[in-house]
Structures are given as C-alpha cells and as structure tokens.
Amino acid sequence: MEVKVEWKEGTYPSFNVMIASKEGKDPFLTIRGCAIRKNKNGEEFVSFPSKKQENGEYWNHIMSSREFNTTVLKKAQDALPRDSSQPTRKKVEQDEDAPF
C-alpha cells in the first residue's frame, strides 16, 4: 500500500491523504481536510475530518489504527511546506470600529 500526503494552503492549512494499492497506481481512497494538531500534553497527532456535536464533543468521520496514524503523521510532517515549520491558522483581524 502507498500512502501520500498533499498539503493545501489557505486560511486553514490542511492536507489530503491519498491511499493507493501500490506505488504508481491511482489512489483508491482520498481523505480530505486532515490537519496536524497537538493534544493537552503537546504531542502531535493527525486530526481527520470530524463534526462538532451539540454536546461540544467531536464525532470523527474516520477511525484508523495507531500504526496508520503514525504513518500519516510522519508523511505529513515530511511534506510540510519548507517555508514554515508548522502550518497555523491565520488570525482574522477584528475591526474595532465596527458599528455592531
């Protein structure tokens, strides 16, 4: 199996994970909208697409093994754009003079 990662730039940098049966083959599965996050202990992990529920908890759309997560995290870190060590969300400037 071949796992590739492709970073997407934008306001909220993310990456796609493409899985193919072997190197050189077209991917049979693409997971879009993944990101690298840090847990409470500062350890990095792969955040797959999820949806926030009314109770504030997240429902994950993708469940994967620890081994697969480790593989994707390593490939994502290796594929990071060279001009930044870690993609971050851009801060939105607030207009202090807004009339509302």
C-alpha atoms as a PDB file:
ATOM      1  CA  MET A   1       0.000   0.000   0.000  1.00  0.00           C
ATOM      2  CA  GLU A   2       1.199   3.513  -0.843  1.00  0.00           C
ATOM      3  CA  VAL A   3       0.218   6.478   1.354  1.00  0.00           C
ATOM      4  CA  LYS A   4       0.797  10.004   0.048  1.00  0.00           C
ATOM      5  CA  VAL A   5       0.121  13.361   1.656  1.00  0.00           C
ATOM      6  CA  GLU A   6      -0.570  16.613  -0.201  1.00  0.00           C
ATOM      7  CA  TRP A   7      -0.728  19.905   1.721  1.00  0.00           C
ATOM      8  CA  LYS A   8      -3.326  22.529   0.778  1.00  0.00           C
ATOM      9  CA  GLU A   9      -2.647  26.180   1.538  1.00  0.00           C
ATOM     10  CA  GLY A  10      -5.287  28.614   2.642  1.00  0.00           C
ATOM     11  CA  THR A  11      -6.767  30.286   5.670  1.00  0.00           C
ATOM     12  CA  TYR A  12      -6.909  26.904   7.399  1.00  0.00           C
ATOM     13  CA  PRO A  13      -3.972  24.817   6.109  1.00  0.00           C
ATOM     14  CA  SER A  14      -4.831  21.150   5.792  1.00  0.00           C
ATOM     15  CA  PHE A  15      -3.706  18.121   3.867  1.00  0.00           C
ATOM     16  CA  ASN A  16      -5.212  15.285   1.900  1.00  0.00           C
ATOM     17  CA  VAL A  17      -4.239  11.652   2.416  1.00  0.00           C
ATOM     18  CA  MET A  18      -4.253   9.525  -0.741  1.00  0.00           C
ATOM     19  CA  ILE A  19      -4.066   5.738  -0.480  1.00  0.00           C
ATOM     20  CA  ALA A  20      -3.202   3.540  -3.474  1.00  0.00           C
ATOM     21  CA  SER A  21      -2.770  -0.215  -3.792  1.00  0.00           C
ATOM     22  CA  LYS A  22       0.898   0.277  -4.753  1.00  0.00           C
ATOM     23  CA  GLU A  23       3.330   2.959  -5.822  1.00  0.00           C
ATOM     24  CA  GLY A  24       2.478   4.487  -9.195  1.00  0.00           C
ATOM     25  CA  LYS A  25      -1.201   3.475  -9.056  1.00  0.00           C
ATOM     26  CA  ASP A  26      -4.081   5.949  -8.798  1.00  0.00           C
ATOM     27  CA  PRO A  27      -5.409   6.316  -5.252  1.00  0.00           C
ATOM     28  CA  PHE A  28      -8.475   4.270  -4.411  1.00  0.00           C
ATOM     29  CA  LEU A  29      -9.206   6.429  -1.353  1.00  0.00           C
ATOM     30  CA  THR A  30      -8.645  10.132  -0.629  1.00  0.00           C
ATOM     31  CA  ILE A  31      -9.286  11.667   2.788  1.00  0.00           C
ATOM     32  CA  ARG A  32      -9.579  15.457   2.534  1.00  0.00           C
ATOM     33  CA  GLY A  33      -9.325  18.064   5.252  1.00  0.00           C
ATOM     34  CA  CYS A  34      -6.807  16.445   7.609  1.00  0.00           C
ATOM     35  CA  ALA A  35      -4.631  18.519   9.933  1.00  0.00           C
ATOM     36  CA  ILE A  36      -1.856  18.156  12.493  1.00  0.00           C
ATOM     37  CA  ARG A  37      -2.999  19.100  15.991  1.00  0.00           C
ATOM     38  CA  LYS A  38      -1.493  18.925  19.475  1.00  0.00           C
ATOM     39  CA  ASN A  39      -3.129  17.216  22.437  1.00  0.00           C
ATOM     40  CA  LYS A  40      -3.103  18.523  26.019  1.00  0.00           C
ATOM     41  CA  ASN A  41       0.411  17.134  26.528  1.00  0.00           C
ATOM     42  CA  GLY A  42       1.730  18.901  23.425  1.00  0.00           C
ATOM     43  CA  GLU A  43       2.047  15.677  21.421  1.00  0.00           C
ATOM     44  CA  GLU A  44       1.158  15.970  17.730  1.00  0.00           C
ATOM     45  CA  PHE A  45      -1.495  13.789  16.120  1.00  0.00           C
ATOM     46  CA  VAL A  46      -3.448  13.602  12.860  1.00  0.00           C
ATOM     47  CA  SER A  47      -6.870  15.169  13.047  1.00  0.00           C
ATOM     48  CA  PHE A  48      -9.120  13.528  10.474  1.00  0.00           C
ATOM     49  CA  PRO A  49     -12.387  15.216   9.391  1.00  0.00           C
ATOM     50  CA  SER A  50     -14.937  15.426  12.205  1.00  0.00           C
ATOM     51  CA  LYS A  51     -18.104  17.244  13.188  1.00  0.00           C
ATOM     52  CA  LYS A  52     -18.769  19.035  16.456  1.00  0.00           C
ATOM     53  CA  GLN A  53     -21.899  17.746  18.187  1.00  0.00           C
ATOM     54  CA  GLU A  54     -24.367  19.810  20.228  1.00  0.00           C
ATOM     55  CA  ASN A  55     -22.759  18.498  23.438  1.00  0.00           C
ATOM     56  CA  GLY A  56     -19.410  20.005  22.358  1.00  0.00           C
ATOM     57  CA  GLU A  57     -17.729  16.681  21.598  1.00  0.00           C
ATOM     58  CA  TYR A  58     -16.473  15.736  18.148  1.00  0.00           C
ATOM     59  CA  TRP A  59     -17.757  12.844  16.044  1.00  0.00           C
ATOM     60  CA  ASN A  60     -14.926  11.517  13.884  1.00  0.00           C
ATOM     61  CA  HIS A  61     -15.701  10.614  10.285  1.00  0.00           C
ATOM     62  CA  ILE A  62     -12.562   8.445  10.052  1.00  0.00           C
ATOM     63  CA  MET A  63     -11.340   5.874  12.558  1.00  0.00           C
ATOM     64  CA  SER A  64      -7.874   4.424  11.972  1.00  0.00           C
ATOM     65  CA  SER A  65      -5.271   2.322  13.693  1.00  0.00           C
ATOM     66  CA  ARG A  66      -2.440   3.824  15.693  1.00  0.00           C
ATOM     67  CA  GLU A  67       0.018   2.478  13.113  1.00  0.00           C
ATOM     68  CA  PHE A  68      -1.808   4.222  10.247  1.00  0.00           C
ATOM     69  CA  ASN A  69      -1.984   7.481  12.253  1.00  0.00           C
ATOM     70  CA  THR A  70       1.761   7.297  12.892  1.00  0.00           C
ATOM     71  CA  THR A  71       2.450   6.694   9.190  1.00  0.00           C
ATOM     72  CA  VAL A  72       0.247   9.616   8.096  1.00  0.00           C
ATOM     73  CA  LEU A  73       1.707  11.959  10.743  1.00  0.00           C
ATOM     74  CA  LYS A  74       5.271  11.171   9.625  1.00  0.00           C
ATOM     75  CA  LYS A  75       4.416  11.673   5.944  1.00  0.00           C
ATOM     76  CA  ALA A  76       2.553  14.922   6.713  1.00  0.00           C
ATOM     77  CA  GLN A  77       5.477  16.275   8.732  1.00  0.00           C
ATOM     78  CA  ASP A  78       7.903  15.304   5.946  1.00  0.00           C
ATOM     79  CA  ALA A  79       5.688  17.013   3.339  1.00  0.00           C
ATOM     80  CA  LEU A  80       5.271  20.288   5.268  1.00  0.00           C
ATOM     81  CA  PRO A  81       5.961  23.347   3.117  1.00  0.00           C
ATOM     82  CA  ARG A  82       9.618  24.277   3.590  1.00  0.00           C
ATOM     83  CA  ASP A  83       8.885  27.932   4.412  1.00  0.00           C
ATOM     84  CA  SER A  84       7.156  27.070   7.710  1.00  0.00           C
ATOM     85  CA  SER A  85       7.795  24.502  10.395  1.00  0.00           C
ATOM     86  CA  GLN A  86       4.114  24.098  11.257  1.00  0.00           C
ATOM     87  CA  PRO A  87       1.052  25.356   9.423  1.00  0.00           C
ATOM     88  CA  THR A  88      -1.058  27.580  11.607  1.00  0.00           C
ATOM     89  CA  ARG A  89      -4.436  29.152  11.273  1.00  0.00           C
ATOM     90  CA  LYS A  90      -4.238  32.744  10.188  1.00  0.00           C
ATOM     91  CA  LYS A  91      -5.630  35.215  12.678  1.00  0.00           C
ATOM     92  CA  VAL A  92      -8.559  37.233  11.479  1.00  0.00           C
ATOM     93  CA  GLU A  93      -8.134  40.892  12.282  1.00  0.00           C
ATOM     94  CA  GLN A  94     -11.030  42.438  14.153  1.00  0.00           C
ATOM     95  CA  ASP A  95     -12.342  45.825  13.215  1.00  0.00           C
ATOM     96  CA  GLU A  96     -12.560  47.776  16.460  1.00  0.00           C
ATOM     97  CA  ASP A  97     -14.683  50.461  14.787  1.00  0.00           C
ATOM     98  CA  ALA A  98     -17.408  48.060  13.607  1.00  0.00           C
ATOM     99  CA  PRO A  99     -20.873  49.544  14.289  1.00  0.00           C
ATOM    100  CA  PHE A 100     -22.273  46.313  15.739  1.00  0.00           C
END
